[in-house]
C-alpha atoms as a PDB file:
ATOM      1  CA  MET A   1       0.000   0.000   0.000  1.00  0.00           C
ATOM      2  CA  ARG A   2       2.784   2.352   1.015  1.00  0.00           C
ATOM      3  CA  GLY A   3       4.477   1.586  -2.330  1.00  0.00           C
ATOM      4  CA  ILE A   4       1.367   2.571  -4.282  1.00  0.00           C
ATOM      5  CA  ILE A   5       1.080   5.856  -2.408  1.00  0.00           C
ATOM      6  CA  SER A   6       4.742   6.602  -3.071  1.00  0.00           C
ATOM      7  CA  ALA A   7       4.241   5.918  -6.763  1.00  0.00           C
ATOM      8  CA  ILE A   8       1.231   8.269  -6.878  1.00  0.00           C
ATOM      9  CA  ILE A   9       3.185  11.008  -5.112  1.00  0.00           C
ATOM     10  CA  ALA A  10       6.087  10.517  -7.501  1.00  0.00           C
ATOM     11  CA  PHE A  11       3.725  10.698 -10.508  1.00  0.00           C
ATOM     12  CA  ALA A  12       2.155  13.882  -9.152  1.00  0.00           C
ATOM     13  CA  GLY A  13       5.610  15.331  -8.755  1.00  0.00           C
ATOM     14  CA  CYS A  14       6.348  14.580 -12.391  1.00  0.00           C
ATOM     15  CA  LEU A  15       3.160  16.349 -13.451  1.00  0.00           C
ATOM     16  CA  ALA A  16       4.048  19.358 -11.342  1.00  0.00           C
ATOM     17  CA  SER A  17       7.413  19.533 -13.017  1.00  0.00           C
ATOM     18  CA  VAL A  18       5.869  19.761 -16.489  1.00  0.00           C
ATOM     19  CA  ALA A  19       6.184  23.370 -17.661  1.00  0.00           C
ATOM     20  CA  LEU A  20       2.917  25.165 -18.321  1.00  0.00           C
ATOM     21  CA  VAL A  21       4.716  27.553 -20.680  1.00  0.00           C
ATOM     22  CA  PRO A  22       7.843  27.046 -22.795  1.00  0.00           C
ATOM     23  CA  GLN A  23      11.172  28.474 -21.765  1.00  0.00           C
ATOM     24  CA  ALA A  24      11.792  31.938 -23.131  1.00  0.00           C
ATOM     25  CA  PRO A  25      14.747  32.484 -25.476  1.00  0.00           C
ATOM     26  CA  GLN A  26      17.827  33.540 -23.536  1.00  0.00           C
ATOM     27  CA  GLY A  27      19.605  36.758 -24.366  1.00  0.00           C
ATOM     28  CA  ASP A  28      19.493  40.499 -23.870  1.00  0.00           C
ATOM     29  CA  SER A  29      18.510  41.809 -27.291  1.00  0.00           C
ATOM     30  CA  PRO A  30      15.322  43.914 -27.531  1.00  0.00           C
ATOM     31  CA  ARG A  31      13.559  41.078 -29.344  1.00  0.00           C
ATOM     32  CA  GLU A  32      14.629  38.459 -26.798  1.00  0.00           C
ATOM     33  CA  ARG A  33      13.533  40.671 -23.909  1.00  0.00           C
ATOM     34  CA  SER A  34      10.172  41.142 -25.645  1.00  0.00           C
ATOM     35  CA  LEU A  35       9.728  37.368 -25.949  1.00  0.00           C
ATOM     36  CA  GLN A  36      10.705  36.921 -22.299  1.00  0.00           C
ATOM     37  CA  ARG A  37       7.988  39.388 -21.291  1.00  0.00           C
ATOM     38  CA  LEU A  38       5.512  37.505 -23.482  1.00  0.00           C
ATOM     39  CA  VAL A  39       6.316  34.210 -21.749  1.00  0.00           C
ATOM     40  CA  ALA A  40       6.035  35.869 -18.332  1.00  0.00           C
ATOM     41  CA  ARG A  41       2.618  37.324 -19.182  1.00  0.00           C
ATOM     42  CA  ALA A  42       1.457  33.963 -20.520  1.00  0.00           C
ATOM     43  CA  ASP A  43       2.707  32.255 -17.356  1.00  0.00           C
ATOM     44  CA  SER A  44       0.575  34.658 -15.303  1.00  0.00           C
ATOM     45  CA  GLY A  45      -2.492  33.748 -17.390  1.00  0.00           C
ATOM     46  CA  VAL A  46      -2.930  36.769 -19.678  1.00  0.00           C
ATOM     47  CA  PRO A  47      -5.175  35.371 -22.469  1.00  0.00           C
ATOM     48  CA  GLN A  48      -3.719  37.500 -25.269  1.00  0.00           C
ATOM     49  CA  ALA A  49      -0.210  36.384 -24.342  1.00  0.00           C
ATOM     50  CA  LEU A  50      -1.268  32.740 -24.102  1.00  0.00           C
ATOM     51  CA  PHE A  51      -2.803  32.938 -27.573  1.00  0.00           C
ATOM     52  CA  ALA A  52       0.188  34.686 -29.125  1.00  0.00           C
ATOM     53  CA  LEU A  53       2.628  32.255 -27.517  1.00  0.00           C
ATOM     54  CA  SER A  54       0.526  29.304 -28.673  1.00  0.00           C
ATOM     55  CA  GLY A  55       0.936  30.427 -32.273  1.00  0.00           C
ATOM     56  CA  LEU A  56       4.705  30.773 -31.950  1.00  0.00           C
ATOM     57  CA  VAL A  57       5.018  27.309 -30.416  1.00  0.00           C
ATOM     58  CA  GLU A  58       2.678  25.757 -32.994  1.00  0.00           C
ATOM     59  CA  ARG A  59       4.791  27.130 -35.854  1.00  0.00           C
ATOM     60  CA  GLY A  60       8.163  26.774 -34.106  1.00  0.00           C
ATOM     61  CA  GLU A  61       9.045  30.416 -34.600  1.00  0.00           C
ATOM     62  CA  GLU A  62      11.221  32.952 -32.753  1.00  0.00           C
ATOM     63  CA  GLY A  63      13.443  30.275 -31.241  1.00  0.00           C
ATOM     64  CA  PHE A  64      10.634  28.225 -29.692  1.00  0.00           C
ATOM     65  CA  VAL A  65      10.634  24.478 -30.275  1.00  0.00           C
ATOM     66  CA  ARG A  66       7.680  23.362 -32.383  1.00  0.00           C
ATOM     67  CA  ASP A  67       5.343  21.481 -30.032  1.00  0.00           C
ATOM     68  CA  SER A  68       1.684  20.855 -30.895  1.00  0.00           C
ATOM     69  CA  VAL A  69       0.889  19.506 -27.410  1.00  0.00           C
ATOM     70  CA  MET A  70       2.209  22.634 -25.710  1.00  0.00           C
ATOM     71  CA  ALA A  71       0.561  24.851 -28.349  1.00  0.00           C
ATOM     72  CA  LEU A  72      -2.818  23.213 -27.747  1.00  0.00           C
ATOM     73  CA  ALA A  73      -2.463  23.551 -23.966  1.00  0.00           C
ATOM     74  CA  LEU A  74      -1.685  27.272 -24.287  1.00  0.00           C
ATOM     75  CA  LEU A  75      -4.514  27.770 -26.773  1.00  0.00           C
ATOM     76  CA  ARG A  76      -7.024  25.994 -24.545  1.00  0.00           C
ATOM     77  CA  ARG A  77      -5.991  28.059 -21.485  1.00  0.00           C
ATOM     78  CA  SER A  78      -6.565  31.234 -23.487  1.00  0.00           C
ATOM     79  CA  ALA A  79      -9.901  30.034 -24.875  1.00  0.00           C
ATOM     80  CA  GLU A  80     -11.175  29.010 -21.456  1.00  0.00           C
ATOM     81  CA  THR A  81     -10.909  32.651 -20.343  1.00  0.00           C
ATOM     82  CA  GLY A  82     -13.358  33.539 -23.132  1.00  0.00           C
ATOM     83  CA  TYR A  83     -10.779  35.309 -25.295  1.00  0.00           C
ATOM     84  CA  ALA A  84     -12.584  35.348 -28.635  1.00  0.00           C
ATOM     85  CA  PRO A  85      -9.680  34.829 -31.104  1.00  0.00           C
ATOM     86  CA  ALA A  86      -8.520  31.804 -29.086  1.00  0.00           C
ATOM     87  CA  CYS A  87     -12.055  30.386 -28.932  1.00  0.00           C
ATOM     88  CA  ASN A  88     -12.440  30.807 -32.676  1.00  0.00           C
ATOM     89  CA  TYR A  89      -9.121  29.133 -33.456  1.00  0.00           C
ATOM     90  CA  LEU A  90      -9.744  26.271 -31.042  1.00  0.00           C
ATOM     91  CA  GLY A  91     -13.085  25.665 -32.762  1.00  0.00           C
ATOM     92  CA  TYR A  92     -11.318  25.734 -36.106  1.00  0.00           C
ATOM     93  CA  CYS A  93      -8.802  23.156 -34.849  1.00  0.00           C
ATOM     94  CA  TYR A  94     -11.666  20.861 -33.862  1.00  0.00           C
ATOM     95  CA  PHE A  95     -13.209  21.238 -37.304  1.00  0.00           C
ATOM     96  CA  VAL A  96     -10.124  20.876 -39.543  1.00  0.00           C
ATOM     97  CA  PRO A  97      -8.771  18.973 -37.381  1.00  0.00           C
ATOM     98  CA  SER A  98      -5.398  20.277 -36.156  1.00  0.00           C
ATOM     99  CA  LEU A  99      -2.989  20.274 -33.193  1.00  0.00           C
ATOM    100  CA  GLY A 100      -3.644  16.592 -32.629  1.00  0.00           C
ATOM    101  CA  LEU A 101      -7.392  17.039 -32.117  1.00  0.00           C
ATOM    102  CA  LYS A 102      -9.926  14.742 -33.734  1.00  0.00           C
ATOM    103  CA  GLN A 103     -12.697  16.301 -35.772  1.00  0.00           C
ATOM    104  CA  ASN A 104     -15.653  17.088 -33.546  1.00  0.00           C
ATOM    105  CA  ALA A 105     -18.439  19.199 -35.027  1.00  0.00           C
ATOM    106  CA  ASP A 106     -20.107  19.828 -31.673  1.00  0.00           C
ATOM    107  CA  SER A 107     -16.889  21.113 -30.108  1.00  0.00           C
ATOM    108  CA  ALA A 108     -16.104  23.202 -33.179  1.00  0.00           C
ATOM    109  CA  LEU A 109     -19.551  24.772 -33.091  1.00  0.00           C
ATOM    110  CA  PHE A 110     -19.343  25.373 -29.327  1.00  0.00           C
ATOM    111  CA  TRP A 111     -16.047  27.240 -29.419  1.00  0.00           C
ATOM    112  CA  ILE A 112     -16.723  29.223 -32.599  1.00  0.00           C
ATOM    113  CA  GLU A 113     -20.143  30.271 -31.304  1.00  0.00           C
ATOM    114  CA  ARG A 114     -18.503  31.330 -28.040  1.00  0.00           C
ATOM    115  CA  ALA A 115     -16.064  33.460 -30.040  1.00  0.00           C
ATOM    116  CA  ALA A 116     -18.881  35.039 -32.049  1.00  0.00           C
ATOM    117  CA  THR A 117     -21.013  35.871 -28.995  1.00  0.00           C
ATOM    118  CA  ALA A 118     -18.204  37.067 -26.722  1.00  0.00           C
ATOM    119  CA  PRO A 119     -18.415  40.618 -25.305  1.00  0.00           C
ATOM    120  CA  ARG A 120     -15.572  41.437 -27.695  1.00  0.00           C
ATOM    121  CA  PRO A 121     -16.261  38.997 -30.526  1.00  0.00           C
ATOM    122  CA  ASP A 122     -13.836  37.910 -33.212  1.00  0.00           C
ATOM    123  CA  PRO A 123     -15.168  38.955 -36.666  1.00  0.00           C
ATOM    124  CA  LYS A 124     -13.561  35.828 -38.135  1.00  0.00           C
ATOM    125  CA  ALA A 125     -15.895  33.779 -35.937  1.00  0.00           C
ATOM    126  CA  PHE A 126     -18.919  35.451 -37.552  1.00  0.00           C
ATOM    127  CA  SER A 127     -17.806  34.116 -40.920  1.00  0.00           C
ATOM    128  CA  ASN A 128     -16.767  30.686 -39.611  1.00  0.00           C
ATOM    129  CA  LEU A 129     -20.033  30.210 -37.744  1.00  0.00           C
ATOM    130  CA  GLY A 130     -22.054  31.361 -40.728  1.00  0.00           C
ATOM    131  CA  MET A 131     -20.228  28.971 -43.060  1.00  0.00           C
ATOM    132  CA  LEU A 132     -20.668  26.028 -40.662  1.00  0.00           C
ATOM    133  CA  LEU A 133     -24.410  26.661 -40.490  1.00  0.00           C
ATOM    134  CA  LEU A 134     -24.604  27.237 -44.241  1.00  0.00           C
ATOM    135  CA  THR A 135     -22.719  24.167 -45.456  1.00  0.00           C
ATOM    136  CA  GLY A 136     -23.569  21.693 -42.705  1.00  0.00           C
ATOM    137  CA  GLU A 137     -20.085  20.203 -43.056  1.00  0.00           C
ATOM    138  CA  GLY A 138     -18.834  17.812 -40.420  1.00  0.00           C
ATOM    139  CA  GLY A 139     -22.337  16.943 -39.271  1.00  0.00           C
ATOM    140  CA  VAL A 140     -23.386  20.463 -38.242  1.00  0.00           C
ATOM    141  CA  ARG A 141     -27.115  20.966 -38.730  1.00  0.00           C
ATOM    142  CA  ARG A 142     -27.824  23.436 -41.517  1.00  0.00           C
ATOM    143  CA  ASP A 143     -29.728  26.590 -40.643  1.00  0.00           C
ATOM    144  CA  TYR A 144     -29.913  29.115 -43.478  1.00  0.00           C
ATOM    145  CA  ALA A 145     -31.557  31.857 -41.409  1.00  0.00           C
ATOM    146  CA  LYS A 146     -28.882  31.720 -38.701  1.00  0.00           C
ATOM    147  CA  ALA A 147     -26.193  31.382 -41.349  1.00  0.00           C
ATOM    148  CA  ALA A 148     -27.438  34.552 -43.049  1.00  0.00           C
ATOM    149  CA  TYR A 149     -27.434  36.399 -39.713  1.00  0.00           C
ATOM    150  CA  TRP A 150     -23.792  35.581 -38.978  1.00  0.00           C
ATOM    151  CA  LEU A 151     -22.650  36.071 -42.575  1.00  0.00           C
ATOM    152  CA  GLU A 152     -24.338  39.484 -42.533  1.00  0.00           C
ATOM    153  CA  ARG A 153     -22.295  40.424 -39.480  1.00  0.00           C
ATOM    154  CA  ALA A 154     -19.116  39.111 -41.081  1.00  0.00           C
ATOM    155  CA  ALA A 155     -19.803  40.949 -44.336  1.00  0.00           C
ATOM    156  CA  GLY A 156     -20.306  44.112 -42.306  1.00  0.00           C
ATOM    157  CA  GLN A 157     -16.786  43.610 -40.977  1.00  0.00           C
ATOM    158  CA  GLY A 158     -15.402  43.376 -44.508  1.00  0.00           C
ATOM    159  CA  VAL A 159     -14.920  39.594 -44.832  1.00  0.00           C
ATOM    160  CA  PRO A 160     -15.027  38.972 -48.635  1.00  0.00           C
ATOM    161  CA  ALA A 161     -15.964  35.276 -48.501  1.00  0.00           C
ATOM    162  CA  ALA A 162     -18.855  36.061 -46.163  1.00  0.00           C
ATOM    163  CA  ALA A 163     -20.174  38.761 -48.496  1.00  0.00           C
ATOM    164  CA  GLY A 164     -20.003  36.332 -51.419  1.00  0.00           C
ATOM    165  CA  SER A 165     -21.804  33.554 -49.532  1.00  0.00           C
ATOM    166  CA  LEU A 166     -24.462  35.962 -48.264  1.00  0.00           C
ATOM    167  CA  GLY A 167     -24.954  37.240 -51.809  1.00  0.00           C
ATOM    168  CA  ARG A 168     -25.730  33.693 -52.928  1.00  0.00           C
ATOM    169  CA  LEU A 169     -28.307  33.333 -50.150  1.00  0.00           C
ATOM    170  CA  TYR A 170     -30.043  36.524 -51.290  1.00  0.00           C
ATOM    171  CA  LEU A 171     -29.867  35.330 -54.864  1.00  0.00           C
ATOM    172  CA  GLN A 172     -31.578  32.028 -54.007  1.00  0.00           C
ATOM    173  CA  GLY A 173     -33.822  33.305 -51.216  1.00  0.00           C
ATOM    174  CA  LEU A 174     -32.382  30.890 -48.636  1.00  0.00           C
ATOM    175  CA  GLY A 175     -32.813  32.079 -45.053  1.00  0.00           C
ATOM    176  CA  VAL A 176     -33.574  35.578 -46.353  1.00  0.00           C
ATOM    177  CA  GLU A 177     -36.087  37.112 -48.736  1.00  0.00           C
ATOM    178  CA  ARG A 178     -34.853  36.851 -52.299  1.00  0.00           C
ATOM    179  CA  ASP A 179     -33.255  40.125 -53.392  1.00  0.00           C
ATOM    180  CA  THR A 180     -31.238  40.196 -56.623  1.00  0.00           C
ATOM    181  CA  VAL A 181     -30.151  43.812 -56.178  1.00  0.00           C
ATOM    182  CA  ARG A 182     -28.765  43.041 -52.716  1.00  0.00           C
ATOM    183  CA  ALA A 183     -27.099  39.901 -54.101  1.00  0.00           C
ATOM    184  CA  ILE A 184     -25.343  41.887 -56.822  1.00  0.00           C
ATOM    185  CA  SER A 185     -24.179  44.477 -54.280  1.00  0.00           C
ATOM    186  CA  LEU A 186     -22.723  41.808 -51.979  1.00  0.00           C
ATOM    187  CA  LEU A 187     -21.058  39.898 -54.803  1.00  0.00           C
ATOM    188  CA  THR A 188     -19.564  43.156 -56.054  1.00  0.00           C
ATOM    189  CA  ASP A 189     -18.163  43.915 -52.593  1.00  0.00           C
ATOM    190  CA  ALA A 190     -16.672  40.421 -52.401  1.00  0.00           C
ATOM    191  CA  ALA A 191     -15.197  40.618 -55.885  1.00  0.00           C
ATOM    192  CA  ARG A 192     -13.762  44.078 -55.209  1.00  0.00           C
ATOM    193  CA  ALA A 193     -11.963  42.616 -52.193  1.00  0.00           C
ATOM    194  CA  GLY A 194     -10.375  39.972 -54.398  1.00  0.00           C
ATOM    195  CA  HIS A 195     -12.815  37.069 -54.078  1.00  0.00           C
ATOM    196  CA  THR A 196     -12.460  35.588 -57.570  1.00  0.00           C
ATOM    197  CA  ASP A 197     -15.452  33.239 -57.389  1.00  0.00           C
ATOM    198  CA  ALA A 198     -17.734  36.147 -56.515  1.00  0.00           C
ATOM    199  CA  GLY A 199     -16.521  38.048 -59.578  1.00  0.00           C
ATOM    200  CA  LYS A 200     -17.272  35.108 -61.849  1.00  0.00           C
ATOM    201  CA  GLU A 201     -20.727  34.634 -60.322  1.00  0.00           C
ATOM    202  CA  LEU A 202     -21.394  38.341 -60.691  1.00  0.00           C
ATOM    203  CA  TYR A 203     -20.581  38.151 -64.386  1.00  0.00           C
ATOM    204  CA  ASP A 204     -22.821  35.108 -64.896  1.00  0.00           C
ATOM    205  CA  LEU A 205     -25.615  36.808 -62.956  1.00  0.00           C
ATOM    206  CA  THR A 206     -25.521  40.011 -64.990  1.00  0.00           C
ATOM    207  CA  ARG A 207     -24.752  38.411 -68.351  1.00  0.00           C
ATOM    208  CA  ALA A 208     -28.362  38.478 -69.531  1.00  0.00           C
ATOM    209  CA  HIS A 209     -28.584  42.198 -68.795  1.00  0.00           C
ATOM    210  CA  THR A 210     -25.233  43.179 -70.280  1.00  0.00           C
ATOM    211  CA  ASP A 211     -25.979  41.223 -73.458  1.00  0.00           C
ATOM    212  CA  THR A 212     -28.563  43.901 -74.280  1.00  0.00           C
ATOM    213  CA  LEU A 213     -26.143  46.824 -73.922  1.00  0.00           C
ATOM    214  CA  CYS A 214     -24.536  48.639 -76.828  1.00  0.00           C
ATOM    215  CA  ALA A 215     -20.756  48.648 -77.202  1.00  0.00           C
ATOM    216  CA  ASP A 216     -20.333  52.136 -75.725  1.00  0.00           C
ATOM    217  CA  SER A 217     -22.393  51.239 -72.626  1.00  0.00           C
ATOM    218  CA  LEU A 218     -20.475  47.980 -72.227  1.00  0.00           C
ATOM    219  CA  THR A 219     -17.193  49.888 -72.269  1.00  0.00           C
ATOM    220  CA  ALA A 220     -18.391  52.418 -69.702  1.00  0.00           C
ATOM    221  CA  LEU A 221     -19.551  49.612 -67.386  1.00  0.00           C
ATOM    222  CA  ALA A 222     -16.326  47.664 -67.927  1.00  0.00           C
ATOM    223  CA  LEU A 223     -14.189  50.675 -67.041  1.00  0.00           C
ATOM    224  CA  ASP A 224     -16.179  51.145 -63.832  1.00  0.00           C
ATOM    225  CA  TYR A 225     -15.400  47.557 -62.847  1.00  0.00           C
ATOM    226  CA  LEU A 226     -11.774  47.990 -63.915  1.00  0.00           C
ATOM    227  CA  ARG A 227     -11.415  50.901 -61.507  1.00  0.00           C
ATOM    228  CA  MET A 228     -12.947  48.953 -58.573  1.00  0.00           C
ATOM    229  CA  PRO A 229     -11.110  46.612 -59.554  1.00  0.00           C
ATOM    230  CA  VAL A 230     -13.281  43.600 -60.401  1.00  0.00           C
ATOM    231  CA  TYR A 231     -11.386  42.011 -63.273  1.00  0.00           C
ATOM    232  CA  GLU A 232     -13.741  39.015 -63.636  1.00  0.00           C
ATOM    233  CA  MET A 233     -16.380  41.527 -64.766  1.00  0.00           C
ATOM    234  CA  ALA A 234     -14.207  44.118 -66.483  1.00  0.00           C
ATOM    235  CA  ILE A 235     -12.189  41.903 -68.830  1.00  0.00           C
ATOM    236  CA  PRO A 236     -15.080  39.960 -70.436  1.00  0.00           C
ATOM    237  CA  LEU A 237     -17.055  43.184 -70.870  1.00  0.00           C
ATOM    238  CA  LEU A 238     -14.088  44.935 -72.492  1.00  0.00           C
ATOM    239  CA  GLU A 239     -13.493  41.995 -74.819  1.00  0.00           C
ATOM    240  CA  ARG A 240     -17.149  41.937 -75.872  1.00  0.00           C
ATOM    241  CA  ALA A 241     -17.195  45.689 -76.446  1.00  0.00           C
ATOM    242  CA  ALA A 242     -13.972  45.450 -78.457  1.00  0.00           C
ATOM    243  CA  SER A 243     -15.434  42.634 -80.569  1.00  0.00           C
ATOM    244  CA  LEU A 244     -18.371  44.952 -81.330  1.00  0.00           C
ATOM    245  CA  GLY A 245     -15.935  47.550 -82.661  1.00  0.00           C
ATOM    246  CA  ASP A 246     -15.592  49.904 -79.691  1.00  0.00           C
ATOM    247  CA  VAL A 247     -12.158  51.508 -80.093  1.00  0.00           C
ATOM    248  CA  ARG A 248     -11.886  52.703 -76.503  1.00  0.00           C
ATOM    249  CA  ALA A 249     -12.502  49.156 -75.250  1.00  0.00           C
ATOM    250  CA  LYS A 250      -9.786  47.830 -77.544  1.00  0.00           C
ATOM    251  CA  ALA A 251      -7.292  50.377 -76.174  1.00  0.00           C
ATOM    252  CA  ALA A 252      -8.288  49.586 -72.594  1.00  0.00           C
ATOM    253  CA  ILE A 253      -7.900  45.827 -73.026  1.00  0.00           C
ATOM    254  CA  ALA A 254      -4.535  46.465 -74.688  1.00  0.00           C
ATOM    255  CA  GLN A 255      -3.460  48.343 -71.565  1.00  0.00           C
ATOM    256  CA  CYS A 256      -4.534  45.355 -69.447  1.00  0.00           C
ATOM    257  CA  TYR A 257      -2.293  43.036 -71.467  1.00  0.00           C
ATOM    258  CA  ALA A 258       0.562  45.546 -71.309  1.00  0.00           C
ATOM    259  CA  MET A 259       0.364  45.641 -67.495  1.00  0.00           C
ATOM    260  CA  GLY A 260      -0.775  42.079 -66.789  1.00  0.00           C
ATOM    261  CA  THR A 261      -3.902  43.514 -65.165  1.00  0.00           C
ATOM    262  CA  GLY A 262      -6.632  40.881 -64.930  1.00  0.00           C
ATOM    263  CA  VAL A 263      -5.035  38.949 -67.811  1.00  0.00           C
ATOM    264  CA  PRO A 264      -1.613  37.322 -68.339  1.00  0.00           C
ATOM    265  CA  TYR A 265       1.078  39.829 -69.289  1.00  0.00           C
ATOM    266  CA  ASP A 266       1.548  39.826 -73.076  1.00  0.00           C
ATOM    267  CA  TYR A 267       3.313  42.907 -74.401  1.00  0.00           C
ATOM    268  CA  GLY A 268       3.314  41.713 -78.010  1.00  0.00           C
ATOM    269  CA  HIS A 269      -0.453  41.197 -78.012  1.00  0.00           C
ATOM    270  CA  ALA A 270      -0.875  44.534 -76.243  1.00  0.00           C
ATOM    271  CA  LEU A 271       1.055  46.387 -78.986  1.00  0.00           C
ATOM    272  CA  ALA A 272      -0.997  44.696 -81.695  1.00  0.00           C
ATOM    273  CA  LEU A 273      -4.231  45.791 -79.983  1.00  0.00           C
ATOM    274  CA  PHE A 274      -2.899  49.313 -79.388  1.00  0.00           C
ATOM    275  CA  LEU A 275      -2.037  49.574 -83.071  1.00  0.00           C
ATOM    276  CA  GLU A 276      -5.551  48.477 -84.092  1.00  0.00           C
ATOM    277  CA  ALA A 277      -7.040  51.049 -81.716  1.00  0.00           C
ATOM    278  CA  ALA A 278      -4.645  53.746 -82.911  1.00  0.00           C
ATOM    279  CA  GLN A 279      -5.460  53.101 -86.561  1.00  0.00           C
ATOM    280  CA  ALA A 280      -9.159  53.286 -85.646  1.00  0.00           C
ATOM    281  CA  GLY A 281      -8.629  56.724 -84.108  1.00  0.00           C
ATOM    282  CA  ASP A 282      -8.102  56.306 -80.351  1.00  0.00           C
ATOM    283  CA  PRO A 283      -5.836  59.197 -79.182  1.00  0.00           C
ATOM    284  CA  SER A 284      -4.367  57.314 -76.203  1.00  0.00           C
ATOM    285  CA  ALA A 285      -3.421  54.361 -78.387  1.00  0.00           C
ATOM    286  CA  GLN A 286      -1.944  56.743 -80.958  1.00  0.00           C
ATOM    287  CA  TYR A 287       0.336  58.277 -78.326  1.00  0.00           C
ATOM    288  CA  ILE A 288       1.429  54.824 -77.098  1.00  0.00           C
ATOM    289  CA  ILE A 289       2.196  53.671 -80.639  1.00  0.00           C
ATOM    290  CA  GLY A 290       4.296  56.824 -81.079  1.00  0.00           C
ATOM    291  CA  GLU A 291       6.296  55.895 -77.970  1.00  0.00           C
ATOM    292  CA  ALA A 292       6.631  52.295 -79.159  1.00  0.00           C
ATOM    293  CA  LEU A 293       7.958  53.407 -82.570  1.00  0.00           C
ATOM    294  CA  ALA A 294      10.604  55.527 -80.860  1.00  0.00           C
ATOM    295  CA  THR A 295      12.271  52.344 -79.616  1.00  0.00           C
ATOM    296  CA  GLN A 296      10.935  49.859 -82.194  1.00  0.00           C
ATOM    297  CA  PRO A 297      11.058  51.532 -85.632  1.00  0.00           C
ATOM    298  CA  ASP A 298      10.200  48.189 -87.256  1.00  0.00           C
ATOM    299  CA  LEU A 299       6.964  47.741 -85.319  1.00  0.00           C
ATOM    300  CA  PRO A 300       4.840  45.297 -87.400  1.00  0.00           C
ATOM    301  CA  GLY A 301       1.865  47.026 -88.985  1.00  0.00           C
ATOM    302  CA  ALA A 302       3.242  50.543 -88.455  1.00  0.00           C
ATOM    303  CA  GLU A 303       5.801  50.486 -91.265  1.00  0.00           C
ATOM    304  CA  GLY A 304       6.252  53.798 -93.055  1.00  0.00           C
ATOM    305  CA  THR A 305       5.163  55.902 -90.099  1.00  0.00           C
ATOM    306  CA  ILE A 306       7.242  57.866 -87.594  1.00  0.00           C
ATOM    307  CA  PRO A 307       6.614  58.685 -83.906  1.00  0.00           C
ATOM    308  CA  ASP A 308       5.880  62.359 -84.596  1.00  0.00           C
ATOM    309  CA  ASP A 309       3.005  61.426 -86.907  1.00  0.00           C
ATOM    310  CA  TRP A 310       1.307  59.489 -84.119  1.00  0.00           C
ATOM    311  CA  PHE A 311       2.058  62.127 -81.476  1.00  0.00           C
ATOM    312  CA  ALA A 312       0.476  64.767 -83.693  1.00  0.00           C
ATOM    313  CA  ARG A 313      -2.656  62.682 -84.188  1.00  0.00           C
ATOM    314  CA  ALA A 314      -2.846  62.015 -80.450  1.00  0.00           C
ATOM    315  CA  ALA A 315      -2.472  65.735 -79.676  1.00  0.00           C
ATOM    316  CA  ALA A 316      -5.262  66.550 -82.108  1.00  0.00           C
ATOM    317  CA  GLY A 317      -7.428  64.155 -80.123  1.00  0.00           C
ATOM    318  CA  GLY A 318      -6.595  65.829 -76.824  1.00  0.00           C
ATOM    319  CA  VAL A 319      -3.631  63.754 -75.634  1.00  0.00           C
ATOM    320  CA  ARG A 320      -0.323  65.620 -75.303  1.00  0.00           C
ATOM    321  CA  ASP A 321       1.678  63.382 -72.951  1.00  0.00           C
ATOM    322  CA  ALA A 322       1.882  59.854 -71.572  1.00  0.00           C
ATOM    323  CA  ARG A 323       0.083  60.782 -68.359  1.00  0.00           C
ATOM    324  CA  GLN A 324      -2.948  61.974 -70.277  1.00  0.00           C
ATOM    325  CA  ALA A 325      -2.843  58.873 -72.458  1.00  0.00           C
ATOM    326  CA  ILE A 326      -2.914  56.472 -69.487  1.00  0.00           C
ATOM    327  CA  ALA A 327      -5.593  58.497 -67.682  1.00  0.00           C
ATOM    328  CA  ARG A 328      -7.902  58.273 -70.678  1.00  0.00           C
ATOM    329  CA  LEU A 329      -7.478  54.516 -70.853  1.00  0.00           C
ATOM    330  CA  ARG A 330      -9.126  54.292 -67.440  1.00  0.00           C
END
């Protein structure tokens, strides 16, 4: 009996000796002192420090040994205080799964919902919770109305994916009243923030309407989207307008190829398009062809002309320098 008790005491002693935080990097540099303060704050239970230290240990950065067990322990301590970013990430780790956790939809939902409803919520949790309720992945019960609520909050915080997903709900009338205008607005916001899928959906959604527009109107709309920028809308509209003979659209799409903006960079194709636009009377393209001839006298298609000829034609059209030429292309 006495032997068993001794073994238990010894085991407890081993547990007590296990560090609750990793050892701070040794040294006296400003960065090392900063990390030492971080470890000290984490050791005293400051949730922000626990969360930050957990990330460093998970990734093995700043001199800390990579240790998923330690990282999870630090993350859980932070989350248990109610610190929203830690709650959100712990829920994410249960869903992915990560840090040695097994996938558990109930635990993922619990922690992400806690992050979203905290006094100081994590905006990322709004999006994560909305997507869980929208997709029903991992066994989570779908609820379109609740999904729309949380995606709305995430979109309001500028999360592009949330705006795109919410736009689809408005488009289909799932969990919200169907509203195509609202859907287009949300998809535009998402696409403007760089969400490529939203831009493609926006183009498909508005295709029937834009098919009825004349070339000049197509170009004006395309240039608006180019300035946003929403390239998934702008490029197809410019190409269609150019195919209908709009010279300004042809010059604008040439500029896109010259800069690799929304399309693969292709300077040769850009020059060919600029030349077509210049020959059709676009002043900006005429100025650019003049500049091109100054360094490439043998420019295919422009044989027998000199830069000054093109500069003069551009000036007659209101373009006197390169800055004006580029501004008009926009």
